[in-house]
């Protein structure tokens, strides 16, 4: 359990420059520069939880970290 908390803190430190709600472009950049096509695929397959705001998807920083910790 302590390892999970330490890892979560490391991810929070890594992503501190990003806003709390990430646009698809920011999500892809945070994941190492993956393509937006791959980013949308992750959202479509519900591998990363997302919110739809108007016509755009947003991902919380917490959901990104949860995806990385799986």
PDB file of N, CA and C in Angstrom:
ATOM      1  N   UNK A   1       0.818  -1.205   0.000  1.00  0.00           N
ATOM      2  CA  UNK A   1       0.000   0.000   0.000  1.00  0.00           C
ATOM      3  C   UNK A   1       0.860   1.266   0.000  1.00  0.00           C
ATOM      4  N   UNK A   2       1.945   1.264   0.774  1.00  0.00           N
ATOM      5  CA  UNK A   2       2.827   2.429   0.833  1.00  0.00           C
ATOM      6  C   UNK A   2       3.502   2.668  -0.509  1.00  0.00           C
ATOM      7  N   UNK A   3       3.801   1.587  -1.218  1.00  0.00           N
ATOM      8  CA  UNK A   3       4.423   1.716  -2.539  1.00  0.00           C
ATOM      9  C   UNK A   3       3.465   2.405  -3.501  1.00  0.00           C
ATOM     10  N   UNK A   4       2.176   2.050  -3.433  1.00  0.00           N
ATOM     11  CA  UNK A   4       1.174   2.685  -4.295  1.00  0.00           C
ATOM     12  C   UNK A   4       1.096   4.180  -4.028  1.00  0.00           C
ATOM     13  N   UNK A   5       1.099   4.565  -2.762  1.00  0.00           N
ATOM     14  CA  UNK A   5       1.041   5.988  -2.420  1.00  0.00           C
ATOM     15  C   UNK A   5       2.283   6.721  -2.898  1.00  0.00           C
ATOM     16  N   UNK A   6       3.440   6.087  -2.764  1.00  0.00           N
ATOM     17  CA  UNK A   6       4.680   6.711  -3.223  1.00  0.00           C
ATOM     18  C   UNK A   6       4.650   6.884  -4.738  1.00  0.00           C
ATOM     19  N   UNK A   7       4.177   5.843  -5.436  1.00  0.00           N
ATOM     20  CA  UNK A   7       4.091   5.903  -6.899  1.00  0.00           C
ATOM     21  C   UNK A   7       3.092   6.986  -7.329  1.00  0.00           C
ATOM     22  N   UNK A   8       1.959   7.071  -6.638  1.00  0.00           N
ATOM     23  CA  UNK A   8       0.958   8.094  -6.952  1.00  0.00           C
ATOM     24  C   UNK A   8       1.548   9.499  -6.771  1.00  0.00           C
ATOM     25  N   UNK A   9       2.314   9.687  -5.708  1.00  0.00           N
ATOM     26  CA  UNK A   9       2.953  10.989  -5.464  1.00  0.00           C
ATOM     27  C   UNK A   9       3.953  11.325  -6.570  1.00  0.00           C
ATOM     28  N   UNK A  10       4.678  10.321  -7.038  1.00  0.00           N
ATOM     29  CA  UNK A  10       5.620  10.538  -8.134  1.00  0.00           C
ATOM     30  C   UNK A  10       4.893  10.979  -9.404  1.00  0.00           C
ATOM     31  N   UNK A  11       3.778  10.318  -9.708  1.00  0.00           N
ATOM     32  CA  UNK A  11       2.992  10.708 -10.881  1.00  0.00           C
ATOM     33  C   UNK A  11       2.448  12.127 -10.727  1.00  0.00           C
ATOM     34  N   UNK A  12       1.961  12.467  -9.543  1.00  0.00           N
ATOM     35  CA  UNK A  12       1.458  13.823  -9.316  1.00  0.00           C
ATOM     36  C   UNK A  12       2.565  14.845  -9.542  1.00  0.00           C
ATOM     37  N   UNK A  13       3.757  14.545  -9.100  1.00  0.00           N
ATOM     38  CA  UNK A  13       4.891  15.439  -9.299  1.00  0.00           C
ATOM     39  C   UNK A  13       5.225  15.548 -10.789  1.00  0.00           C
ATOM     40  N   UNK A  14       5.166  14.426 -11.515  1.00  0.00           N
ATOM     41  CA  UNK A  14       5.467  14.436 -12.945  1.00  0.00           C
ATOM     42  C   UNK A  14       4.490  15.300 -13.735  1.00  0.00           C
ATOM     43  N   UNK A  15       3.233  15.271 -13.329  1.00  0.00           N
ATOM     44  CA  UNK A  15       2.183  15.948 -14.090  1.00  0.00           C
ATOM     45  C   UNK A  15       1.756  17.277 -13.492  1.00  0.00           C
ATOM     46  N   UNK A  16       2.570  17.866 -12.633  1.00  0.00           N
ATOM     47  CA  UNK A  16       2.157  19.108 -11.967  1.00  0.00           C
ATOM     48  C   UNK A  16       2.001  20.277 -12.930  1.00  0.00           C
ATOM     49  N   UNK A  17       2.684  20.226 -14.087  1.00  0.00           N
ATOM     50  CA  UNK A  17       2.562  21.334 -15.052  1.00  0.00           C
ATOM     51  C   UNK A  17       1.246  21.292 -15.825  1.00  0.00           C
ATOM     52  N   UNK A  18       0.549  20.170 -15.756  1.00  0.00           N
ATOM     53  CA  UNK A  18      -0.711  20.017 -16.485  1.00  0.00           C
ATOM     54  C   UNK A  18      -1.890  20.492 -15.634  1.00  0.00           C
ATOM     55  N   UNK A  19      -2.951  21.006 -16.285  1.00  0.00           N
ATOM     56  CA  UNK A  19      -4.147  21.403 -15.536  1.00  0.00           C
ATOM     57  C   UNK A  19      -4.884  20.176 -14.986  1.00  0.00           C
ATOM     58  N   UNK A  20      -5.839  20.395 -14.108  1.00  0.00           N
ATOM     59  CA  UNK A  20      -6.602  19.295 -13.513  1.00  0.00           C
ATOM     60  C   UNK A  20      -7.446  18.555 -14.545  1.00  0.00           C
ATOM     61  N   UNK A  21      -7.941  19.270 -15.552  1.00  0.00           N
ATOM     62  CA  UNK A  21      -8.691  18.652 -16.658  1.00  0.00           C
ATOM     63  C   UNK A  21      -7.855  18.771 -17.921  1.00  0.00           C
ATOM     64  N   UNK A  22      -7.476  17.633 -18.469  1.00  0.00           N
ATOM     65  CA  UNK A  22      -6.609  17.613 -19.639  1.00  0.00           C
ATOM     66  C   UNK A  22      -7.420  17.479 -20.925  1.00  0.00           C
ATOM     67  N   UNK A  23      -7.026  18.233 -21.938  1.00  0.00           N
ATOM     68  CA  UNK A  23      -7.570  18.039 -23.273  1.00  0.00           C
ATOM     69  C   UNK A  23      -6.876  16.833 -23.889  1.00  0.00           C
ATOM     70  N   UNK A  24      -7.387  16.331 -24.994  1.00  0.00           N
ATOM     71  CA  UNK A  24      -6.830  15.128 -25.628  1.00  0.00           C
ATOM     72  C   UNK A  24      -5.367  15.337 -26.019  1.00  0.00           C
ATOM     73  N   UNK A  25      -5.029  16.522 -26.483  1.00  0.00           N
ATOM     74  CA  UNK A  25      -3.651  16.798 -26.874  1.00  0.00           C
ATOM     75  C   UNK A  25      -2.720  16.726 -25.669  1.00  0.00           C
ATOM     76  N   UNK A  26      -3.162  17.274 -24.536  1.00  0.00           N
ATOM     77  CA  UNK A  26      -2.356  17.242 -23.320  1.00  0.00           C
ATOM     78  C   UNK A  26      -2.225  15.818 -22.787  1.00  0.00           C
ATOM     79  N   UNK A  27      -3.306  15.051 -22.894  1.00  0.00           N
ATOM     80  CA  UNK A  27      -3.273  13.647 -22.471  1.00  0.00           C
ATOM     81  C   UNK A  27      -2.231  12.882 -23.279  1.00  0.00           C
ATOM     82  N   UNK A  28      -2.250  13.067 -24.584  1.00  0.00           N
ATOM     83  CA  UNK A  28      -1.311  12.363 -25.456  1.00  0.00           C
ATOM     84  C   UNK A  28       0.130  12.769 -25.161  1.00  0.00           C
ATOM     85  N   UNK A  29       0.352  14.030 -24.908  1.00  0.00           N
ATOM     86  CA  UNK A  29       1.691  14.508 -24.552  1.00  0.00           C
ATOM     87  C   UNK A  29       2.152  13.889 -23.235  1.00  0.00           C
ATOM     88  N   UNK A  30       1.251  13.842 -22.255  1.00  0.00           N
ATOM     89  CA  UNK A  30       1.578  13.277 -20.944  1.00  0.00           C
ATOM     90  C   UNK A  30       1.885  11.787 -21.026  1.00  0.00           C
ATOM     91  N   UNK A  31       1.307  11.118 -22.005  1.00  0.00           N
ATOM     92  CA  UNK A  31       1.541   9.685 -22.175  1.00  0.00           C
ATOM     93  C   UNK A  31       2.734   9.406 -23.086  1.00  0.00           C
ATOM     94  N   UNK A  32       3.593  10.379 -23.224  1.00  0.00           N
ATOM     95  CA  UNK A  32       4.826  10.156 -23.964  1.00  0.00           C
ATOM     96  C   UNK A  32       4.770  10.521 -25.427  1.00  0.00           C
ATOM     97  N   UNK A  33       3.770  11.287 -25.812  1.00  0.00           N
ATOM     98  CA  UNK A  33       3.681  11.727 -27.195  1.00  0.00           C
ATOM     99  C   UNK A  33       2.963  10.755 -28.108  1.00  0.00           C
ATOM    100  N   UNK A  34       1.997  10.021 -27.564  1.00  0.00           N
ATOM    101  CA  UNK A  34       1.211   9.124 -28.418  1.00  0.00           C
ATOM    102  C   UNK A  34       0.353   9.961 -29.360  1.00  0.00           C
ATOM    103  N   UNK A  35      -0.137   9.356 -30.409  1.00  0.00           N
ATOM    104  CA  UNK A  35      -0.966  10.093 -31.363  1.00  0.00           C
ATOM    105  C   UNK A  35      -2.349  10.349 -30.769  1.00  0.00           C
ATOM    106  N   UNK A  36      -3.028  11.368 -31.291  1.00  0.00           N
ATOM    107  CA  UNK A  36      -4.380  11.655 -30.813  1.00  0.00           C
ATOM    108  C   UNK A  36      -5.320  10.512 -31.188  1.00  0.00           C
ATOM    109  N   UNK A  37      -5.039   9.843 -32.291  1.00  0.00           N
ATOM    110  CA  UNK A  37      -5.853   8.688 -32.691  1.00  0.00           C
ATOM    111  C   UNK A  37      -5.789   7.611 -31.604  1.00  0.00           C
ATOM    112  N   UNK A  38      -4.602   7.341 -31.091  1.00  0.00           N
ATOM    113  CA  UNK A  38      -4.443   6.368 -30.016  1.00  0.00           C
ATOM    114  C   UNK A  38      -5.098   6.874 -28.734  1.00  0.00           C
ATOM    115  N   UNK A  39      -4.980   8.167 -28.474  1.00  0.00           N
ATOM    116  CA  UNK A  39      -5.615   8.756 -27.298  1.00  0.00           C
ATOM    117  C   UNK A  39      -7.122   8.590 -27.328  1.00  0.00           C
ATOM    118  N   UNK A  40      -7.726   8.879 -28.474  1.00  0.00           N
ATOM    119  CA  UNK A  40      -9.171   8.695 -28.611  1.00  0.00           C
ATOM    120  C   UNK A  40      -9.559   7.227 -28.477  1.00  0.00           C
ATOM    121  N   UNK A  41      -8.708   6.339 -28.971  1.00  0.00           N
ATOM    122  CA  UNK A  41      -8.986   4.901 -28.849  1.00  0.00           C
ATOM    123  C   UNK A  41      -9.022   4.481 -27.374  1.00  0.00           C
ATOM    124  N   UNK A  42      -8.092   4.983 -26.572  1.00  0.00           N
ATOM    125  CA  UNK A  42      -8.086   4.683 -25.136  1.00  0.00           C
ATOM    126  C   UNK A  42      -9.367   5.175 -24.467  1.00  0.00           C
ATOM    127  N   UNK A  43      -9.852   6.339 -24.894  1.00  0.00           N
ATOM    128  CA  UNK A  43     -11.093   6.888 -24.316  1.00  0.00           C
ATOM    129  C   UNK A  43     -12.309   6.090 -24.783  1.00  0.00           C
ATOM    130  N   UNK A  44     -12.333   5.749 -26.065  1.00  0.00           N
ATOM    131  CA  UNK A  44     -13.449   4.982 -26.622  1.00  0.00           C
ATOM    132  C   UNK A  44     -13.583   3.617 -25.967  1.00  0.00           C
ATOM    133  N   UNK A  45     -12.446   2.977 -25.720  1.00  0.00           N
ATOM    134  CA  UNK A  45     -12.443   1.654 -25.088  1.00  0.00           C
ATOM    135  C   UNK A  45     -12.613   1.735 -23.572  1.00  0.00           C
ATOM    136  N   UNK A  46     -12.782   2.950 -23.071  1.00  0.00           N
ATOM    137  CA  UNK A  46     -12.969   3.210 -21.641  1.00  0.00           C
ATOM    138  C   UNK A  46     -11.807   2.695 -20.789  1.00  0.00           C
ATOM    139  N   UNK A  47     -10.625   2.695 -21.376  1.00  0.00           N
ATOM    140  CA  UNK A  47      -9.437   2.330 -20.602  1.00  0.00           C
ATOM    141  C   UNK A  47      -9.023   3.487 -19.712  1.00  0.00           C
ATOM    142  N   UNK A  48      -9.382   4.717 -20.130  1.00  0.00           N
ATOM    143  CA  UNK A  48      -9.186   5.916 -19.321  1.00  0.00           C
ATOM    144  C   UNK A  48     -10.551   6.570 -19.178  1.00  0.00           C
ATOM    145  N   UNK A  49     -10.956   6.847 -17.956  1.00  0.00           N
ATOM    146  CA  UNK A  49     -12.231   7.535 -17.729  1.00  0.00           C
ATOM    147  C   UNK A  49     -12.139   8.956 -18.266  1.00  0.00           C
ATOM    148  N   UNK A  50     -13.222   9.424 -18.845  1.00  0.00           N
ATOM    149  CA  UNK A  50     -13.222  10.775 -19.403  1.00  0.00           C
ATOM    150  C   UNK A  50     -14.589  11.428 -19.219  1.00  0.00           C
ATOM    151  N   UNK A  51     -14.583  12.735 -19.414  1.00  0.00           N
ATOM    152  CA  UNK A  51     -15.801  13.536 -19.384  1.00  0.00           C
ATOM    153  C   UNK A  51     -15.955  14.152 -20.763  1.00  0.00           C
ATOM    154  N   UNK A  52     -17.179  14.323 -21.196  1.00  0.00           N
ATOM    155  CA  UNK A  52     -17.399  15.000 -22.472  1.00  0.00           C
ATOM    156  C   UNK A  52     -17.966  16.378 -22.152  1.00  0.00           C
ATOM    157  N   UNK A  53     -17.246  17.385 -22.582  1.00  0.00           N
ATOM    158  CA  UNK A  53     -17.650  18.773 -22.369  1.00  0.00           C
ATOM    159  C   UNK A  53     -17.919  19.360 -23.746  1.00  0.00           C
ATOM    160  N   UNK A  54     -19.209  19.508 -24.056  1.00  0.00           N
ATOM    161  CA  UNK A  54     -19.571  19.945 -25.400  1.00  0.00           C
ATOM    162  C   UNK A  54     -19.182  18.873 -26.391  1.00  0.00           C
ATOM    163  N   UNK A  55     -18.308  19.219 -27.327  1.00  0.00           N
ATOM    164  CA  UNK A  55     -17.853  18.255 -28.327  1.00  0.00           C
ATOM    165  C   UNK A  55     -16.485  17.673 -27.999  1.00  0.00           C
ATOM    166  N   UNK A  56     -15.905  18.106 -26.879  1.00  0.00           N
ATOM    167  CA  UNK A  56     -14.544  17.690 -26.546  1.00  0.00           C
ATOM    168  C   UNK A  56     -14.518  16.765 -25.339  1.00  0.00           C
ATOM    169  N   UNK A  57     -13.527  15.902 -25.321  1.00  0.00           N
ATOM    170  CA  UNK A  57     -13.305  15.029 -24.171  1.00  0.00           C
ATOM    171  C   UNK A  57     -12.304  15.676 -23.234  1.00  0.00           C
ATOM    172  N   UNK A  58     -12.496  15.479 -21.947  1.00  0.00           N
ATOM    173  CA  UNK A  58     -11.556  15.934 -20.923  1.00  0.00           C
ATOM    174  C   UNK A  58     -11.268  14.768 -19.996  1.00  0.00           C
ATOM    175  N   UNK A  59     -10.048  14.704 -19.526  1.00  0.00           N
ATOM    176  CA  UNK A  59      -9.618  13.642 -18.617  1.00  0.00           C
ATOM    177  C   UNK A  59      -9.038  14.303 -17.385  1.00  0.00           C
ATOM    178  N   UNK A  60      -9.483  13.866 -16.213  1.00  0.00           N
ATOM    179  CA  UNK A  60      -8.911  14.422 -14.994  1.00  0.00           C
ATOM    180  C   UNK A  60      -7.523  13.835 -14.778  1.00  0.00           C
ATOM    181  N   UNK A  61      -6.700  14.594 -14.104  1.00  0.00           N
ATOM    182  CA  UNK A  61      -5.353  14.135 -13.801  1.00  0.00           C
ATOM    183  C   UNK A  61      -5.407  12.856 -12.954  1.00  0.00           C
ATOM    184  N   UNK A  62      -6.397  12.771 -12.071  1.00  0.00           N
ATOM    185  CA  UNK A  62      -6.568  11.582 -11.228  1.00  0.00           C
ATOM    186  C   UNK A  62      -6.860  10.346 -12.079  1.00  0.00           C
ATOM    187  N   UNK A  63      -7.724  10.498 -13.096  1.00  0.00           N
ATOM    188  CA  UNK A  63      -8.035   9.358 -13.973  1.00  0.00           C
ATOM    189  C   UNK A  63      -6.820   8.931 -14.787  1.00  0.00           C
ATOM    190  N   UNK A  64      -6.004   9.895 -15.201  1.00  0.00           N
ATOM    191  CA  UNK A  64      -4.775   9.554 -15.916  1.00  0.00           C
ATOM    192  C   UNK A  64      -3.838   8.750 -15.012  1.00  0.00           C
ATOM    193  N   UNK A  65      -3.683   9.179 -13.787  1.00  0.00           N
ATOM    194  CA  UNK A  65      -2.807   8.482 -12.837  1.00  0.00           C
ATOM    195  C   UNK A  65      -3.363   7.102 -12.517  1.00  0.00           C
ATOM    196  N   UNK A  66      -4.686   6.990 -12.361  1.00  0.00           N
ATOM    197  CA  UNK A  66      -5.287   5.677 -12.115  1.00  0.00           C
ATOM    198  C   UNK A  66      -5.018   4.723 -13.280  1.00  0.00           C
ATOM    199  N   UNK A  67      -5.092   5.237 -14.511  1.00  0.00           N
ATOM    200  CA  UNK A  67      -4.796   4.408 -15.686  1.00  0.00           C
ATOM    201  C   UNK A  67      -3.349   3.927 -15.654  1.00  0.00           C
ATOM    202  N   UNK A  68      -2.445   4.804 -15.317  1.00  0.00           N
ATOM    203  CA  UNK A  68      -1.030   4.437 -15.291  1.00  0.00           C
ATOM    204  C   UNK A  68      -0.699   3.449 -14.179  1.00  0.00           C
ATOM    205  N   UNK A  69      -1.476   3.465 -13.118  1.00  0.00           N
ATOM    206  CA  UNK A  69      -1.202   2.585 -11.980  1.00  0.00           C
ATOM    207  C   UNK A  69      -1.809   1.204 -12.158  1.00  0.00           C
ATOM    208  N   UNK A  70      -2.628   0.994 -13.194  1.00  0.00           N
ATOM    209  CA  UNK A  70      -3.223  -0.321 -13.430  1.00  0.00           C
ATOM    210  C   UNK A  70      -2.189  -1.305 -13.905  1.00  0.00           C
TER     211      UNK A  70
END
